[in-house]
Protein backbone atom coordinates (compact mmCIF):
# COMPACT_ATOMS: atom_id res chain seq x y z
CA MET A 1 -29.99 198.02 247.67
CA LYS A 2 -33.48 196.70 248.48
CA LYS A 3 -35.01 199.23 246.10
CA ALA A 4 -32.82 198.06 243.23
CA LEU A 5 -33.56 194.39 243.93
CA THR A 6 -37.32 194.90 243.94
CA LEU A 7 -37.14 196.85 240.71
CA MET A 8 -34.92 194.18 239.15
CA ALA A 9 -37.31 191.40 240.23
CA SER A 10 -40.22 193.29 238.66
CA VAL A 11 -38.39 193.77 235.37
CA ILE A 12 -37.22 190.15 235.24
CA MET A 13 -40.71 188.79 235.97
CA THR A 14 -42.21 191.03 233.28
CA ILE A 15 -39.63 189.88 230.73
CA LEU A 16 -40.22 186.22 231.64
CA ILE A 17 -43.98 186.59 231.25
CA PHE A 18 -43.72 188.31 227.87
CA GLY A 19 -41.09 185.76 226.84
CA MET A 20 -43.43 182.88 227.64
CA SER A 21 -46.18 184.58 225.64
CA GLY A 22 -43.84 185.02 222.69
CA GLN A 23 -43.33 181.27 222.37
CA SER A 24 -45.09 179.44 219.57
CA GLY A 25 -48.27 177.59 220.39
CA GLU A 26 -46.45 174.29 219.88
CA THR A 27 -43.61 175.21 222.25
CA SER A 28 -46.00 176.51 224.89
CA ALA A 29 -48.20 173.41 224.70
CA SER A 30 -45.15 171.13 224.87
CA LEU A 31 -43.85 172.83 228.01
CA SER A 32 -47.19 172.69 229.80
CA GLN A 33 -47.65 169.08 228.69
CA GLN A 34 -44.32 168.17 230.33
CA VAL A 35 -45.47 169.79 233.57
CA ALA A 36 -48.84 168.02 233.29
CA ASN A 37 -47.02 164.68 232.82
CA ILE A 38 -45.10 165.28 236.05
CA ALA A 39 -48.31 166.30 237.82
CA ALA A 40 -50.05 163.17 236.51
CA GLY A 41 -47.25 160.99 237.88
CA ILE A 42 -47.50 162.66 241.29
CA LEU A 43 -51.29 162.39 241.24
CA ASP A 44 -51.13 158.69 240.31
CA PHE A 45 -48.70 158.10 243.18
CA ILE A 46 -50.86 159.95 245.70
CA ALA A 47 -54.24 158.73 244.43
CA PRO A 48 -53.82 155.52 242.41
CA GLY A 49 -56.77 154.83 240.15
CA ASN A 50 -57.90 158.47 240.00
CA THR A 51 -60.20 159.27 237.10
CA ILE A 52 -58.90 162.72 236.20
CA ALA A 53 -58.48 162.93 232.44
CA PHE A 54 -55.07 164.07 231.24
CA ALA A 55 -56.68 166.78 229.09
CA ASP A 56 -58.35 168.23 232.20
CA LEU A 57 -55.10 168.10 234.15
CA HIS A 58 -53.27 169.76 231.25
CA ALA A 59 -55.86 172.56 231.12
CA PHE A 60 -55.53 173.02 234.89
CA VAL A 61 -51.72 173.27 234.56
CA ARG A 62 -52.01 175.84 231.75
CA LYS A 63 -54.47 178.07 233.61
CA GLY A 64 -52.67 177.54 236.92
CA ALA A 65 -49.47 178.79 235.30
CA HIS A 66 -51.25 182.04 234.40
CA VAL A 67 -52.38 182.54 237.98
CA LEU A 68 -49.00 181.65 239.49
CA GLU A 69 -46.83 183.76 237.20
CA TYR A 70 -49.09 186.77 237.65
CA ALA A 71 -49.25 186.30 241.43
CA LEU A 72 -45.45 186.43 241.45
CA LEU A 73 -45.54 189.51 239.21
CA GLY A 74 -48.03 191.20 241.55
CA MET A 75 -45.80 190.44 244.51
CA ALA A 76 -42.76 191.83 242.69
CA TYR A 77 -44.49 195.05 241.59
CA ALA A 78 -46.09 195.62 245.00
CA SER A 79 -42.74 195.06 246.73
CA ALA A 80 -41.10 197.56 244.39
CA PHE A 81 -43.80 200.18 244.95
CA ARG A 82 -43.48 199.70 248.70
CA ALA A 83 -39.67 199.87 248.65
CA TRP A 84 -39.72 203.03 246.53
CA ARG A 85 -42.47 204.50 248.76
CA LEU A 86 -44.80 205.06 245.81
CA PRO A 87 -48.58 205.28 246.13
CA PHE A 88 -49.94 201.73 246.18
CA TRP A 89 -53.12 202.06 244.08
CA PRO A 90 -51.32 202.32 240.68
CA VAL A 91 -49.96 198.81 241.29
CA PHE A 92 -53.40 197.40 240.50
CA ILE A 93 -53.87 199.41 237.30
CA LEU A 94 -50.37 198.48 236.16
CA GLY A 95 -51.04 194.77 236.64
CA ILE A 96 -54.26 194.74 234.66
CA GLY A 97 -52.54 196.74 231.91
CA VAL A 98 -49.65 194.27 231.76
CA ALA A 99 -52.09 191.33 231.59
CA LEU A 100 -53.98 192.91 228.69
CA LEU A 101 -50.78 193.85 226.82
CA ASP A 102 -49.33 190.39 227.40
CA GLU A 103 -52.40 188.64 226.01
CA GLY A 104 -52.55 191.09 223.10
CA SER A 105 -48.90 190.39 222.26
CA GLN A 106 -49.79 186.74 221.65
CA ALA A 107 -51.43 187.81 218.39
CA PHE A 108 -47.88 188.10 217.03
CA ALA A 109 -46.71 184.65 218.18
CA LEU A 110 -46.86 181.64 215.85
CA ASP A 111 -49.99 179.51 216.35
CA ARG A 112 -51.24 181.67 219.23
CA GLY A 113 -53.84 184.28 219.72
CA PRO A 114 -54.86 186.71 222.43
CA SER A 115 -57.28 185.47 225.05
CA PHE A 116 -58.76 188.31 226.99
CA VAL A 117 -60.61 185.66 229.00
CA ASP A 118 -57.17 184.53 230.23
CA ALA A 119 -56.23 188.14 231.00
CA LEU A 120 -59.40 188.86 232.98
CA LEU A 121 -60.10 185.48 234.61
CA PHE A 122 -56.61 184.17 235.33
CA ASP A 123 -53.86 186.78 234.90
CA ALA A 124 -55.49 189.77 236.59
CA PRO A 125 -56.89 187.84 239.59
CA GLY A 126 -53.51 186.14 240.12
CA TYR A 127 -51.78 189.51 239.95
CA LEU A 128 -54.29 191.12 242.32
CA ALA A 129 -53.89 188.27 244.81
CA GLY A 130 -50.08 188.60 244.81
CA ALA A 131 -50.12 192.39 245.07
CA THR A 132 -52.77 192.31 247.78
CA LEU A 133 -50.76 189.80 249.79
CA ILE A 134 -47.78 192.16 249.80
CA GLY A 135 -50.08 195.08 250.60
CA LEU A 136 -51.45 193.24 253.63
CA ILE A 137 -48.06 192.36 255.04
CA ARG A 138 -47.00 194.94 257.56
CA VAL A 139 -43.30 195.59 257.58
CA LYS A 140 -42.02 196.21 261.07
CA THR A 141 -39.15 198.61 261.33
CA PRO A 142 -36.94 198.63 264.40
CA GLN A 143 -37.74 201.45 266.80
CA LYS A 144 -34.93 203.46 268.32
CA ASN A 145 -35.10 203.77 272.06
CA ASN A 146 -34.83 207.38 273.09
CA VAL A 147 -33.59 206.99 276.62
CA SER A 148 -32.55 210.26 278.24
C-alpha cells in the first residue's frame, strides 16, 4: 500500500506542477498576487511600517512557489524510489529533467515563456533539497527478537 501511495503522490505532484505551468500568464500572476496580498497583510501585522515594496514581495512569492512545489516533488519522488527500493541516484536526474520540461512547456501557455533561469535557480535546487531531505532520513524498521 505504501508503494502505491508514494507513486500516486509523485504523479499528482507532477500533474499539479505541469497544470500550474499551463495556466496563462494572467491567471498565474493573479494567483500569486492573491498570495502576495495575504503575505503583505501578515507582514504588516507583524512588522507595521515595514518598507518592503509589494512588487518585491510578489516576486518573492512567485520564486518561493517554485522552490516549495519542487521541494514537495523531490520529497514525493524520493519517497517513491525508497518505497520501491530503486537506486536513489536517478531521482536527481529525474528532477532536473522534470524542471527543464516544465519550464519548456510554458512556451505553449498563453502570455508565458520558458525560463531556464527558473528551472536551474529555483526548481532544481528546491527539488534537490526535498529529495536530499528524504534521502537523509533513516527509516527504522522494527527488529525481530530471535530468542531461543
